Amino acid sequence: MKAFLVIIFIIFSPTAVLSDWIKFISNEEGTLYIGSSDHTQVLDGYLYYRLLLQFTEPDKHGFWSMVEHKKIDCNIFKQTTYKFTVYKLPMGEGSGESWKPQEKWESVKGGYIQNLCIQSR
């Protein structure tokens, strides 16, 4: 019976929902999570990963969270956001509305991103 209760707790635990996301930083506007390394992939020479912004309250359009889909060129340490998806539910849950911004490459300054590049090689 004890083992059964432990299994039920693990399945329905809030951390089970967050297992794809690693808390990165928080401020008064919300919390930023980065996708776990299990959900990064290398394709056509680029490293792909995701960021999730969980707002402390919904924005003026009623969105609680947003996912940025990122692409990195690890050879020159530059990245671009290739898609945004906003959600009316917390933590990127439910169906989202997506759009693709104009491609703009920026230098990567964070050690975490550089570590992702090194690990992907």
PDB file of N, CA and C in Angstrom:
ATOM      1  N   MET A   1       0.823  -1.197   0.000  1.00  0.00           N
ATOM      2  CA  MET A   1       0.000   0.000   0.000  1.00  0.00           C
ATOM      3  C   MET A   1       0.864   1.257   0.000  1.00  0.00           C
ATOM      4  N   LYS A   2       1.956   1.244   0.771  1.00  0.00           N
ATOM      5  CA  LYS A   2       2.845   2.405   0.823  1.00  0.00           C
ATOM      6  C   LYS A   2       3.440   2.692  -0.555  1.00  0.00           C
ATOM      7  N   ALA A   3       3.884   1.644  -1.239  1.00  0.00           N
ATOM      8  CA  ALA A   3       4.475   1.810  -2.572  1.00  0.00           C
ATOM      9  C   ALA A   3       3.460   2.412  -3.541  1.00  0.00           C
ATOM     10  N   PHE A   4       2.213   1.975  -3.430  1.00  0.00           N
ATOM     11  CA  PHE A   4       1.152   2.493  -4.291  1.00  0.00           C
ATOM     12  C   PHE A   4       0.971   3.994  -4.061  1.00  0.00           C
ATOM     13  N   LEU A   5       0.956   4.427  -2.799  1.00  0.00           N
ATOM     14  CA  LEU A   5       0.799   5.842  -2.480  1.00  0.00           C
ATOM     15  C   LEU A   5       1.974   6.668  -3.001  1.00  0.00           C
ATOM     16  N   VAL A   6       3.175   6.137  -2.906  1.00  0.00           N
ATOM     17  CA  VAL A   6       4.361   6.834  -3.412  1.00  0.00           C
ATOM     18  C   VAL A   6       4.252   7.012  -4.921  1.00  0.00           C
ATOM     19  N   ILE A   7       3.836   5.985  -5.622  1.00  0.00           N
ATOM     20  CA  ILE A   7       3.685   6.058  -7.078  1.00  0.00           C
ATOM     21  C   ILE A   7       2.624   7.087  -7.456  1.00  0.00           C
ATOM     22  N   ILE A   8       1.499   7.089  -6.765  1.00  0.00           N
ATOM     23  CA  ILE A   8       0.438   8.066  -7.035  1.00  0.00           C
ATOM     24  C   ILE A   8       0.955   9.488  -6.793  1.00  0.00           C
ATOM     25  N   PHE A   9       1.710   9.680  -5.698  1.00  0.00           N
ATOM     26  CA  PHE A   9       2.262  11.002  -5.397  1.00  0.00           C
ATOM     27  C   PHE A   9       3.194  11.460  -6.512  1.00  0.00           C
ATOM     28  N   ILE A  10       4.048  10.583  -6.991  1.00  0.00           N
ATOM     29  CA  ILE A  10       4.997  10.944  -8.049  1.00  0.00           C
ATOM     30  C   ILE A  10       4.266  11.308  -9.333  1.00  0.00           C
ATOM     31  N   ILE A  11       3.252  10.535  -9.676  1.00  0.00           N
ATOM     32  CA  ILE A  11       2.510  10.780 -10.919  1.00  0.00           C
ATOM     33  C   ILE A  11       1.795  12.131 -10.872  1.00  0.00           C
ATOM     34  N   PHE A  12       1.195  12.461  -9.724  1.00  0.00           N
ATOM     35  CA  PHE A  12       0.403  13.681  -9.633  1.00  0.00           C
ATOM     36  C   PHE A  12       1.136  14.842  -8.967  1.00  0.00           C
ATOM     37  N   SER A  13       2.399  14.685  -8.741  1.00  0.00           N
ATOM     38  CA  SER A  13       3.205  15.732  -8.124  1.00  0.00           C
ATOM     39  C   SER A  13       3.368  16.906  -9.069  1.00  0.00           C
ATOM     40  N   PRO A  14       3.330  18.155  -8.537  1.00  0.00           N
ATOM     41  CA  PRO A  14       3.557  19.321  -9.404  1.00  0.00           C
ATOM     42  C   PRO A  14       4.919  19.295 -10.079  1.00  0.00           C
ATOM     43  N   THR A  15       5.916  18.699  -9.442  1.00  0.00           N
ATOM     44  CA  THR A  15       7.232  18.654 -10.070  1.00  0.00           C
ATOM     45  C   THR A  15       7.242  17.734 -11.276  1.00  0.00           C
ATOM     46  N   ALA A  16       6.332  16.780 -11.325  1.00  0.00           N
ATOM     47  CA  ALA A  16       6.247  15.915 -12.501  1.00  0.00           C
ATOM     48  C   ALA A  16       5.850  16.747 -13.722  1.00  0.00           C
ATOM     49  N   VAL A  17       4.966  17.734 -13.513  1.00  0.00           N
ATOM     50  CA  VAL A  17       4.553  18.617 -14.605  1.00  0.00           C
ATOM     51  C   VAL A  17       5.729  19.474 -15.067  1.00  0.00           C
ATOM     52  N   LEU A  18       6.591  19.872 -14.127  1.00  0.00           N
ATOM     53  CA  LEU A  18       7.699  20.751 -14.444  1.00  0.00           C
ATOM     54  C   LEU A  18       8.944  20.016 -14.901  1.00  0.00           C
ATOM     55  N   SER A  19       8.895  18.697 -15.014  1.00  0.00           N
ATOM     56  CA  SER A  19      10.103  17.922 -15.289  1.00  0.00           C
ATOM     57  C   SER A  19      10.761  18.297 -16.619  1.00  0.00           C
ATOM     58  N   ASP A  20      10.007  18.859 -17.558  1.00  0.00           N
ATOM     59  CA  ASP A  20      10.591  19.291 -18.822  1.00  0.00           C
ATOM     60  C   ASP A  20      11.253  20.658 -18.701  1.00  0.00           C
ATOM     61  N   TRP A  21      11.037  21.337 -17.587  1.00  0.00           N
ATOM     62  CA  TRP A  21      11.507  22.700 -17.405  1.00  0.00           C
ATOM     63  C   TRP A  21      12.383  22.819 -16.170  1.00  0.00           C
ATOM     64  N   ILE A  22      13.434  23.618 -16.278  1.00  0.00           N
ATOM     65  CA  ILE A  22      14.342  23.883 -15.176  1.00  0.00           C
ATOM     66  C   ILE A  22      14.237  25.365 -14.852  1.00  0.00           C
ATOM     67  N   LYS A  23      13.927  25.691 -13.585  1.00  0.00           N
ATOM     68  CA  LYS A  23      13.791  27.091 -13.188  1.00  0.00           C
ATOM     69  C   LYS A  23      15.118  27.797 -13.387  1.00  0.00           C
ATOM     70  N   PHE A  24      15.072  28.928 -14.057  1.00  0.00           N
ATOM     71  CA  PHE A  24      16.277  29.658 -14.421  1.00  0.00           C
ATOM     72  C   PHE A  24      16.416  30.941 -13.608  1.00  0.00           C
ATOM     73  N   ILE A  25      15.377  31.783 -13.613  1.00  0.00           N
ATOM     74  CA  ILE A  25      15.423  33.055 -12.887  1.00  0.00           C
ATOM     75  C   ILE A  25      13.990  33.547 -12.663  1.00  0.00           C
ATOM     76  N   SER A  26      13.783  34.314 -11.576  1.00  0.00           N
ATOM     77  CA  SER A  26      12.468  34.895 -11.274  1.00  0.00           C
ATOM     78  C   SER A  26      12.608  36.374 -10.972  1.00  0.00           C
ATOM     79  N   ASN A  27      11.539  37.126 -11.272  1.00  0.00           N
ATOM     80  CA  ASN A  27      11.446  38.525 -10.856  1.00  0.00           C
ATOM     81  C   ASN A  27       9.971  38.839 -10.655  1.00  0.00           C
ATOM     82  N   GLU A  28       9.631  40.118 -10.471  1.00  0.00           N
ATOM     83  CA  GLU A  28       8.241  40.490 -10.183  1.00  0.00           C
ATOM     84  C   GLU A  28       7.304  40.233 -11.356  1.00  0.00           C
ATOM     85  N   GLU A  29       7.827  40.099 -12.570  1.00  0.00           N
ATOM     86  CA  GLU A  29       6.985  39.859 -13.742  1.00  0.00           C
ATOM     87  C   GLU A  29       6.691  38.384 -13.975  1.00  0.00           C
ATOM     88  N   GLY A  30       7.567  37.524 -13.470  1.00  0.00           N
ATOM     89  CA  GLY A  30       7.335  36.105 -13.675  1.00  0.00           C
ATOM     90  C   GLY A  30       8.588  35.287 -13.464  1.00  0.00           C
ATOM     91  N   THR A  31       8.516  34.050 -13.934  1.00  0.00           N
ATOM     92  CA  THR A  31       9.625  33.117 -13.788  1.00  0.00           C
ATOM     93  C   THR A  31      10.012  32.591 -15.155  1.00  0.00           C
ATOM     94  N   LEU A  32      11.314  32.528 -15.401  1.00  0.00           N
ATOM     95  CA  LEU A  32      11.836  32.011 -16.654  1.00  0.00           C
ATOM     96  C   LEU A  32      12.364  30.605 -16.422  1.00  0.00           C
ATOM     97  N   TYR A  33      11.924  29.678 -17.249  1.00  0.00           N
ATOM     98  CA  TYR A  33      12.379  28.298 -17.209  1.00  0.00           C
ATOM     99  C   TYR A  33      13.100  27.989 -18.513  1.00  0.00           C
ATOM    100  N   ILE A  34      14.047  27.092 -18.455  1.00  0.00           N
ATOM    101  CA  ILE A  34      14.727  26.637 -19.665  1.00  0.00           C
ATOM    102  C   ILE A  34      14.391  25.162 -19.848  1.00  0.00           C
ATOM    103  N   GLY A  35      14.201  24.752 -21.095  1.00  0.00           N
ATOM    104  CA  GLY A  35      13.888  23.361 -21.368  1.00  0.00           C
ATOM    105  C   GLY A  35      15.011  22.457 -20.904  1.00  0.00           C
ATOM    106  N   SER A  36      14.659  21.304 -20.366  1.00  0.00           N
ATOM    107  CA  SER A  36      15.673  20.366 -19.903  1.00  0.00           C
ATOM    108  C   SER A  36      16.524  19.903 -21.079  1.00  0.00           C
ATOM    109  N   SER A  37      17.737  19.461 -20.781  1.00  0.00           N
ATOM    110  CA  SER A  37      18.645  19.030 -21.850  1.00  0.00           C
ATOM    111  C   SER A  37      18.098  17.832 -22.608  1.00  0.00           C
ATOM    112  N   ASP A  38      17.138  17.119 -22.013  1.00  0.00           N
ATOM    113  CA  ASP A  38      16.488  16.008 -22.721  1.00  0.00           C
ATOM    114  C   ASP A  38      15.702  16.512 -23.930  1.00  0.00           C
ATOM    115  N   HIS A  39      15.365  17.797 -23.927  1.00  0.00           N
ATOM    116  CA  HIS A  39      14.533  18.348 -24.990  1.00  0.00           C
ATOM    117  C   HIS A  39      15.290  19.298 -25.900  1.00  0.00           C
ATOM    118  N   THR A  40      16.611  19.215 -25.884  1.00  0.00           N
ATOM    119  CA  THR A  40      17.411  19.957 -26.855  1.00  0.00           C
ATOM    120  C   THR A  40      17.744  18.990 -27.980  1.00  0.00           C
ATOM    121  N   GLN A  41      17.942  19.508 -29.161  1.00  0.00           N
ATOM    122  CA  GLN A  41      18.323  18.637 -30.276  1.00  0.00           C
ATOM    123  C   GLN A  41      19.216  19.386 -31.244  1.00  0.00           C
ATOM    124  N   VAL A  42      20.058  18.638 -31.920  1.00  0.00           N
ATOM    125  CA  VAL A  42      20.920  19.201 -32.948  1.00  0.00           C
ATOM    126  C   VAL A  42      20.376  18.733 -34.288  1.00  0.00           C
ATOM    127  N   LEU A  43      20.165  19.699 -35.181  1.00  0.00           N
ATOM    128  CA  LEU A  43      19.614  19.397 -36.495  1.00  0.00           C
ATOM    129  C   LEU A  43      20.223  20.364 -37.494  1.00  0.00           C
ATOM    130  N   ASP A  44      20.771  19.839 -38.566  1.00  0.00           N
ATOM    131  CA  ASP A  44      21.379  20.655 -39.625  1.00  0.00           C
ATOM    132  C   ASP A  44      22.431  21.630 -39.092  1.00  0.00           C
ATOM    133  N   GLY A  45      23.183  21.201 -38.088  1.00  0.00           N
ATOM    134  CA  GLY A  45      24.258  22.024 -37.542  1.00  0.00           C
ATOM    135  C   GLY A  45      23.827  23.065 -36.522  1.00  0.00           C
ATOM    136  N   TYR A  46      22.545  23.107 -36.184  1.00  0.00           N
ATOM    137  CA  TYR A  46      22.042  24.052 -35.186  1.00  0.00           C
ATOM    138  C   TYR A  46      21.564  23.298 -33.950  1.00  0.00           C
ATOM    139  N   LEU A  47      21.671  23.945 -32.795  1.00  0.00           N
ATOM    140  CA  LEU A  47      21.157  23.409 -31.545  1.00  0.00           C
ATOM    141  C   LEU A  47      19.833  24.103 -31.257  1.00  0.00           C
ATOM    142  N   TYR A  48      18.790  23.329 -31.002  1.00  0.00           N
ATOM    143  CA  TYR A  48      17.463  23.864 -30.729  1.00  0.00           C
ATOM    144  C   TYR A  48      17.121  23.650 -29.257  1.00  0.00           C
ATOM    145  N   TYR A  49      16.557  24.694 -28.615  1.00  0.00           N
ATOM    146  CA  TYR A  49      16.098  24.579 -27.238  1.00  0.00           C
ATOM    147  C   TYR A  49      14.930  25.543 -27.029  1.00  0.00           C
ATOM    148  N   ARG A  50      14.308  25.468 -25.836  1.00  0.00           N
ATOM    149  CA  ARG A  50      13.125  26.279 -25.550  1.00  0.00           C
ATOM    150  C   ARG A  50      13.276  27.018 -24.218  1.00  0.00           C
ATOM    151  N   LEU A  51      12.662  28.188 -24.145  1.00  0.00           N
ATOM    152  CA  LEU A  51      12.531  28.952 -22.903  1.00  0.00           C
ATOM    153  C   LEU A  51      11.045  29.133 -22.633  1.00  0.00           C
ATOM    154  N   LEU A  52      10.636  29.058 -21.373  1.00  0.00           N
ATOM    155  CA  LEU A  52       9.251  29.288 -21.000  1.00  0.00           C
ATOM    156  C   LEU A  52       9.204  30.430 -19.992  1.00  0.00           C
ATOM    157  N   LEU A  53       8.387  31.427 -20.263  1.00  0.00           N
ATOM    158  CA  LEU A  53       8.164  32.510 -19.325  1.00  0.00           C
ATOM    159  C   LEU A  53       6.781  32.327 -18.717  1.00  0.00           C
ATOM    160  N   GLN A  54       6.746  32.125 -17.414  1.00  0.00           N
ATOM    161  CA  GLN A  54       5.500  31.982 -16.662  1.00  0.00           C
ATOM    162  C   GLN A  54       5.216  33.326 -15.997  1.00  0.00           C
ATOM    163  N   PHE A  55       4.165  34.020 -16.444  1.00  0.00           N
ATOM    164  CA  PHE A  55       3.831  35.322 -15.894  1.00  0.00           C
ATOM    165  C   PHE A  55       3.217  35.183 -14.504  1.00  0.00           C
ATOM    166  N   THR A  56       3.386  36.196 -13.636  1.00  0.00           N
ATOM    167  CA  THR A  56       2.778  36.172 -12.304  1.00  0.00           C
ATOM    168  C   THR A  56       1.278  36.433 -12.384  1.00  0.00           C
ATOM    169  N   GLU A  57       0.845  37.085 -13.458  1.00  0.00           N
ATOM    170  CA  GLU A  57      -0.575  37.295 -13.729  1.00  0.00           C
ATOM    171  C   GLU A  57      -0.737  37.362 -15.247  1.00  0.00           C
ATOM    172  N   PRO A  58      -1.950  37.103 -15.749  1.00  0.00           N
ATOM    173  CA  PRO A  58      -2.108  37.120 -17.211  1.00  0.00           C
ATOM    174  C   PRO A  58      -1.840  38.509 -17.786  1.00  0.00           C
ATOM    175  N   ASP A  59      -1.338  38.531 -19.030  1.00  0.00           N
ATOM    176  CA  ASP A  59      -1.106  39.813 -19.694  1.00  0.00           C
ATOM    177  C   ASP A  59      -2.442  40.396 -20.164  1.00  0.00           C
ATOM    178  N   LYS A  60      -2.413  41.513 -20.862  1.00  0.00           N
ATOM    179  CA  LYS A  60      -3.649  42.194 -21.271  1.00  0.00           C
ATOM    180  C   LYS A  60      -4.497  41.375 -22.242  1.00  0.00           C
ATOM    181  N   HIS A  61      -3.895  40.336 -22.853  1.00  0.00           N
ATOM    182  CA  HIS A  61      -4.640  39.465 -23.771  1.00  0.00           C
ATOM    183  C   HIS A  61      -5.090  38.175 -23.091  1.00  0.00           C
ATOM    184  N   GLY A  62      -4.789  38.037 -21.806  1.00  0.00           N
ATOM    185  CA  GLY A  62      -5.207  36.853 -21.054  1.00  0.00           C
ATOM    186  C   GLY A  62      -4.228  35.696 -21.115  1.00  0.00           C
ATOM    187  N   PHE A  63      -3.005  35.931 -21.585  1.00  0.00           N
ATOM    188  CA  PHE A  63      -2.016  34.862 -21.680  1.00  0.00           C
ATOM    189  C   PHE A  63      -1.240  34.735 -20.367  1.00  0.00           C
ATOM    190  N   TRP A  64      -1.102  33.500 -19.899  1.00  0.00           N
ATOM    191  CA  TRP A  64      -0.388  33.205 -18.658  1.00  0.00           C
ATOM    192  C   TRP A  64       1.062  32.817 -18.893  1.00  0.00           C
ATOM    193  N   SER A  65       1.385  32.326 -20.089  1.00  0.00           N
ATOM    194  CA  SER A  65       2.752  31.848 -20.323  1.00  0.00           C
ATOM    195  C   SER A  65       3.115  31.964 -21.793  1.00  0.00           C
ATOM    196  N   MET A  66       4.435  31.953 -22.052  1.00  0.00           N
ATOM    197  CA  MET A  66       4.945  32.059 -23.412  1.00  0.00           C
ATOM    198  C   MET A  66       6.177  31.164 -23.549  1.00  0.00           C
ATOM    199  N   VAL A  67       6.281  30.480 -24.664  1.00  0.00           N
ATOM    200  CA  VAL A  67       7.455  29.659 -24.964  1.00  0.00           C
ATOM    201  C   VAL A  67       8.185  30.281 -26.145  1.00  0.00           C
ATOM    202  N   GLU A  68       9.490  30.484 -25.968  1.00  0.00           N
ATOM    203  CA  GLU A  68      10.356  30.933 -27.060  1.00  0.00           C
ATOM    204  C   GLU A  68      11.122  29.722 -27.567  1.00  0.00           C
ATOM    205  N   HIS A  69      11.050  29.482 -28.856  1.00  0.00           N
ATOM    206  CA  HIS A  69      11.780  28.385 -29.492  1.00  0.00           C
ATOM    207  C   HIS A  69      13.049  28.996 -30.091  1.00  0.00           C
ATOM    208  N   LYS A  70      14.197  28.525 -29.625  1.00  0.00           N
ATOM    209  CA  LYS A  70      15.486  29.124 -29.985  1.00  0.00           C
ATOM    210  C   LYS A  70      16.322  28.186 -30.851  1.00  0.00           C
ATOM    211  N   LYS A  71      17.162  28.796 -31.672  1.00  0.00           N
ATOM    212  CA  LYS A  71      18.106  28.062 -32.524  1.00  0.00           C
ATOM    213  C   LYS A  71      19.465  28.720 -32.345  1.00  0.00           C
ATOM    214  N   ILE A  72      20.497  27.908 -32.078  1.00  0.00           N
ATOM    215  CA  ILE A  72      21.849  28.421 -31.850  1.00  0.00           C
ATOM    216  C   ILE A  72      22.794  27.879 -32.912  1.00  0.00           C
ATOM    217  N   ASP A  73      23.647  28.753 -33.419  1.00  0.00           N
ATOM    218  CA  ASP A  73      24.784  28.331 -34.235  1.00  0.00           C
ATOM    219  C   ASP A  73      25.967  28.256 -33.274  1.00  0.00           C
ATOM    220  N   CYS A  74      26.285  27.047 -32.834  1.00  0.00           N
ATOM    221  CA  CYS A  74      27.326  26.851 -31.819  1.00  0.00           C
ATOM    222  C   CYS A  74      28.734  27.146 -32.349  1.00  0.00           C
ATOM    223  N   ASN A  75      28.905  27.225 -33.663  1.00  0.00           N
ATOM    224  CA  ASN A  75      30.223  27.543 -34.216  1.00  0.00           C
ATOM    225  C   ASN A  75      30.595  29.006 -33.987  1.00  0.00           C
ATOM    226  N   ILE A  76      29.579  29.875 -33.975  1.00  0.00           N
ATOM    227  CA  ILE A  76      29.854  31.305 -33.798  1.00  0.00           C
ATOM    228  C   ILE A  76      29.153  31.874 -32.550  1.00  0.00           C
ATOM    229  N   PHE A  77      28.511  31.021 -31.756  1.00  0.00           N
ATOM    230  CA  PHE A  77      27.793  31.406 -30.535  1.00  0.00           C
ATOM    231  C   PHE A  77      26.820  32.561 -30.770  1.00  0.00           C
ATOM    232  N   LYS A  78      25.940  32.363 -31.758  1.00  0.00           N
ATOM    233  CA  LYS A  78      24.851  33.302 -32.012  1.00  0.00           C
ATOM    234  C   LYS A  78      23.550  32.512 -32.023  1.00  0.00           C
ATOM    235  N   GLN A  79      22.465  33.174 -31.617  1.00  0.00           N
ATOM    236  CA  GLN A  79      21.164  32.508 -31.569  1.00  0.00           C
ATOM    237  C   GLN A  79      20.071  33.397 -32.121  1.00  0.00           C
ATOM    238  N   THR A  80      18.953  32.776 -32.473  1.00  0.00           N
ATOM    239  CA  THR A  80      17.770  33.481 -32.940  1.00  0.00           C
ATOM    240  C   THR A  80      16.539  32.790 -32.370  1.00  0.00           C
ATOM    241  N   THR A  81      15.469  33.553 -32.214  1.00  0.00           N
ATOM    242  CA  THR A  81      14.176  32.978 -31.843  1.00  0.00           C
ATOM    243  C   THR A  81      13.441  32.712 -33.140  1.00  0.00           C
ATOM    244  N   TYR A  82      13.077  31.443 -33.377  1.00  0.00           N
ATOM    245  CA  TYR A  82      12.395  31.135 -34.638  1.00  0.00           C
ATOM    246  C   TYR A  82      10.888  30.974 -34.479  1.00  0.00           C
ATOM    247  N   LYS A  83      10.401  30.930 -33.215  1.00  0.00           N
ATOM    248  CA  LYS A  83       8.959  30.841 -33.014  1.00  0.00           C
ATOM    249  C   LYS A  83       8.614  31.242 -31.578  1.00  0.00           C
ATOM    250  N   PHE A  84       7.504  31.961 -31.424  1.00  0.00           N
ATOM    251  CA  PHE A  84       6.910  32.268 -30.125  1.00  0.00           C
ATOM    252  C   PHE A  84       5.575  31.542 -30.046  1.00  0.00           C
ATOM    253  N   THR A  85       5.233  31.028 -28.872  1.00  0.00           N
ATOM    254  CA  THR A  85       3.913  30.449 -28.645  1.00  0.00           C
ATOM    255  C   THR A  85       3.404  30.964 -27.308  1.00  0.00           C
ATOM    256  N   VAL A  86       2.197  31.541 -27.284  1.00  0.00           N
ATOM    257  CA  VAL A  86       1.594  32.037 -26.053  1.00  0.00           C
ATOM    258  C   VAL A  86       0.423  31.135 -25.669  1.00  0.00           C
ATOM    259  N   TYR A  87       0.194  31.043 -24.344  1.00  0.00           N
ATOM    260  CA  TYR A  87      -0.810  30.130 -23.802  1.00  0.00           C
ATOM    261  C   TYR A  87      -1.703  30.839 -22.800  1.00  0.00           C
ATOM    262  N   LYS A  88      -2.983  30.474 -22.787  1.00  0.00           N
ATOM    263  CA  LYS A  88      -3.939  31.020 -21.820  1.00  0.00           C
ATOM    264  C   LYS A  88      -3.881  30.251 -20.504  1.00  0.00           C
ATOM    265  N   LEU A  89      -3.088  29.179 -20.454  1.00  0.00           N
ATOM    266  CA  LEU A  89      -2.908  28.399 -19.230  1.00  0.00           C
ATOM    267  C   LEU A  89      -1.457  28.511 -18.767  1.00  0.00           C
ATOM    268  N   PRO A  90      -1.222  28.314 -17.470  1.00  0.00           N
ATOM    269  CA  PRO A  90       0.152  28.361 -16.952  1.00  0.00           C
ATOM    270  C   PRO A  90       1.044  27.262 -17.531  1.00  0.00           C
ATOM    271  N   MET A  91       2.346  27.508 -17.502  1.00  0.00           N
ATOM    272  CA  MET A  91       3.389  26.539 -17.841  1.00  0.00           C
ATOM    273  C   MET A  91       3.277  25.972 -19.250  1.00  0.00           C
ATOM    274  N   GLY A  92       2.788  26.758 -20.201  1.00  0.00           N
ATOM    275  CA  GLY A  92       2.714  26.318 -21.592  1.00  0.00           C
ATOM    276  C   GLY A  92       1.734  25.192 -21.817  1.00  0.00           C
ATOM    277  N   GLU A  93       0.723  25.109 -20.983  1.00  0.00           N
ATOM    278  CA  GLU A  93      -0.277  24.038 -21.107  1.00  0.00           C
ATOM    279  C   GLU A  93      -1.425  24.484 -22.004  1.00  0.00           C
ATOM    280  N   GLY A  94      -2.122  23.520 -22.561  1.00  0.00           N
ATOM    281  CA  GLY A  94      -3.264  23.794 -23.419  1.00  0.00           C
ATOM    282  C   GLY A  94      -2.820  24.111 -24.837  1.00  0.00           C
ATOM    283  N   SER A  95      -3.763  24.582 -25.633  1.00  0.00           N
ATOM    284  CA  SER A  95      -3.414  24.937 -27.007  1.00  0.00           C
ATOM    285  C   SER A  95      -2.888  26.370 -27.019  1.00  0.00           C
ATOM    286  N   GLY A  96      -1.915  26.604 -27.854  1.00  0.00           N
ATOM    287  CA  GLY A  96      -1.280  27.916 -27.900  1.00  0.00           C
ATOM    288  C   GLY A  96      -1.469  28.592 -29.237  1.00  0.00           C
ATOM    289  N   GLU A  97      -1.124  29.861 -29.271  1.00  0.00           N
ATOM    290  CA  GLU A  97      -1.122  30.645 -30.503  1.00  0.00           C
ATOM    291  C   GLU A  97       0.339  30.938 -30.836  1.00  0.00           C
ATOM    292  N   SER A  98       0.768  30.565 -32.038  1.00  0.00           N
ATOM    293  CA  SER A  98       2.175  30.711 -32.424  1.00  0.00           C
ATOM    294  C   SER A  98       2.349  31.699 -33.562  1.00  0.00           C
ATOM    295  N   TRP A  99       3.517  32.290 -33.615  1.00  0.00           N
ATOM    296  CA  TRP A  99       3.922  33.119 -34.742  1.00  0.00           C
ATOM    297  C   TRP A  99       5.427  33.079 -34.869  1.00  0.00           C
ATOM    298  N   LYS A 100       5.888  33.363 -36.082  1.00  0.00           N
ATOM    299  CA  LYS A 100       7.324  33.357 -36.371  1.00  0.00           C
ATOM    300  C   LYS A 100       7.802  34.789 -36.560  1.00  0.00           C
ATOM    301  N   PRO A 101       8.762  35.217 -35.730  1.00  0.00           N
ATOM    302  CA  PRO A 101       9.296  36.571 -35.891  1.00  0.00           C
ATOM    303  C   PRO A 101      10.301  36.619 -37.038  1.00  0.00           C
ATOM    304  N   GLN A 102      10.664  37.823 -37.440  1.00  0.00           N
ATOM    305  CA  GLN A 102      11.719  37.985 -38.424  1.00  0.00           C
ATOM    306  C   GLN A 102      13.018  37.482 -37.794  1.00  0.00           C
ATOM    307  N   GLU A 103      13.787  36.731 -38.552  1.00  0.00           N
ATOM    308  CA  GLU A 103      15.027  36.151 -38.023  1.00  0.00           C
ATOM    309  C   GLU A 103      16.030  37.248 -37.677  1.00  0.00           C
ATOM    310  N   LYS A 104      16.502  37.242 -36.436  1.00  0.00           N
ATOM    311  CA  LYS A 104      17.489  38.209 -35.962  1.00  0.00           C
ATOM    312  C   LYS A 104      18.494  37.445 -35.097  1.00  0.00           C
ATOM    313  N   TRP A 105      19.741  37.372 -35.545  1.00  0.00           N
ATOM    314  CA  TRP A 105      20.780  36.637 -34.832  1.00  0.00           C
ATOM    315  C   TRP A 105      21.470  37.545 -33.824  1.00  0.00           C
ATOM    316  N   GLU A 106      21.643  37.043 -32.595  1.00  0.00           N
ATOM    317  CA  GLU A 106      22.292  37.793 -31.529  1.00  0.00           C
ATOM    318  C   GLU A 106      23.387  36.953 -30.901  1.00  0.00           C
ATOM    319  N   SER A 107      24.413  37.607 -30.376  1.00  0.00           N
ATOM    320  CA  SER A 107      25.496  36.896 -29.697  1.00  0.00           C
ATOM    321  C   SER A 107      24.995  36.259 -28.411  1.00  0.00           C
ATOM    322  N   VAL A 108      25.498  35.072 -28.131  1.00  0.00           N
ATOM    323  CA  VAL A 108      25.155  34.345 -26.907  1.00  0.00           C
ATOM    324  C   VAL A 108      26.175  34.724 -25.845  1.00  0.00           C
ATOM    325  N   LYS A 109      25.683  35.212 -24.705  1.00  0.00           N
ATOM    326  CA  LYS A 109      26.594  35.632 -23.646  1.00  0.00           C
ATOM    327  C   LYS A 109      26.529  34.707 -22.436  1.00  0.00           C
ATOM    328  N   GLY A 110      25.461  33.953 -22.282  1.00  0.00           N
ATOM    329  CA  GLY A 110      25.276  33.125 -21.088  1.00  0.00           C
ATOM    330  C   GLY A 110      26.087  31.851 -21.107  1.00  0.00           C
ATOM    331  N   GLY A 111      26.684  31.550 -19.976  1.00  0.00           N
ATOM    332  CA  GLY A 111      27.467  30.322 -19.846  1.00  0.00           C
ATOM    333  C   GLY A 111      26.632  29.073 -20.038  1.00  0.00           C
ATOM    334  N   TYR A 112      25.329  29.136 -19.637  1.00  0.00           N
ATOM    335  CA  TYR A 112      24.464  27.962 -19.782  1.00  0.00           C
ATOM    336  C   TYR A 112      24.335  27.570 -21.254  1.00  0.00           C
ATOM    337  N   ILE A 113      24.139  28.557 -22.113  1.00  0.00           N
ATOM    338  CA  ILE A 113      23.970  28.288 -23.548  1.00  0.00           C
ATOM    339  C   ILE A 113      25.269  27.745 -24.130  1.00  0.00           C
ATOM    340  N   GLN A 114      26.392  28.312 -23.753  1.00  0.00           N
ATOM    341  CA  GLN A 114      27.660  27.804 -24.227  1.00  0.00           C
ATOM    342  C   GLN A 114      27.880  26.366 -23.758  1.00  0.00           C
ATOM    343  N   ASN A 115      27.443  26.069 -22.533  1.00  0.00           N
ATOM    344  CA  ASN A 115      27.525  24.690 -22.034  1.00  0.00           C
ATOM    345  C   ASN A 115      26.656  23.740 -22.849  1.00  0.00           C
ATOM    346  N   LEU A 116      25.459  24.206 -23.236  1.00  0.00           N
ATOM    347  CA  LEU A 116      24.599  23.378 -24.098  1.00  0.00           C
ATOM    348  C   LEU A 116      25.303  23.043 -25.401  1.00  0.00           C
ATOM    349  N   CYS A 117      25.979  24.028 -25.970  1.00  0.00           N
ATOM    350  CA  CYS A 117      26.720  23.804 -27.220  1.00  0.00           C
ATOM    351  C   CYS A 117      27.829  22.777 -27.016  1.00  0.00           C
ATOM    352  N   ILE A 118      28.584  22.914 -25.949  1.00  0.00           N
ATOM    353  CA  ILE A 118      29.678  21.987 -25.677  1.00  0.00           C
ATOM    354  C   ILE A 118      29.146  20.575 -25.469  1.00  0.00           C
ATOM    355  N   GLN A 119      28.047  20.443 -24.714  1.00  0.00           N
ATOM    356  CA  GLN A 119      27.454  19.125 -24.454  1.00  0.00           C
ATOM    357  C   GLN A 119      26.898  18.482 -25.717  1.00  0.00           C
ATOM    358  N   SER A 120      26.474  19.304 -26.682  1.00  0.00           N
ATOM    359  CA  SER A 120      25.838  18.751 -27.880  1.00  0.00           C
ATOM    360  C   SER A 120      26.852  18.207 -28.894  1.00  0.00           C
ATOM    361  N   ARG A 121      28.127  18.502 -28.688  1.00  0.00           N
ATOM    362  CA  ARG A 121      29.157  18.062 -29.632  1.00  0.00           C
ATOM    363  C   ARG A 121      29.542  16.633 -29.405  1.00  0.00           C
TER     364      ARG A 121
END
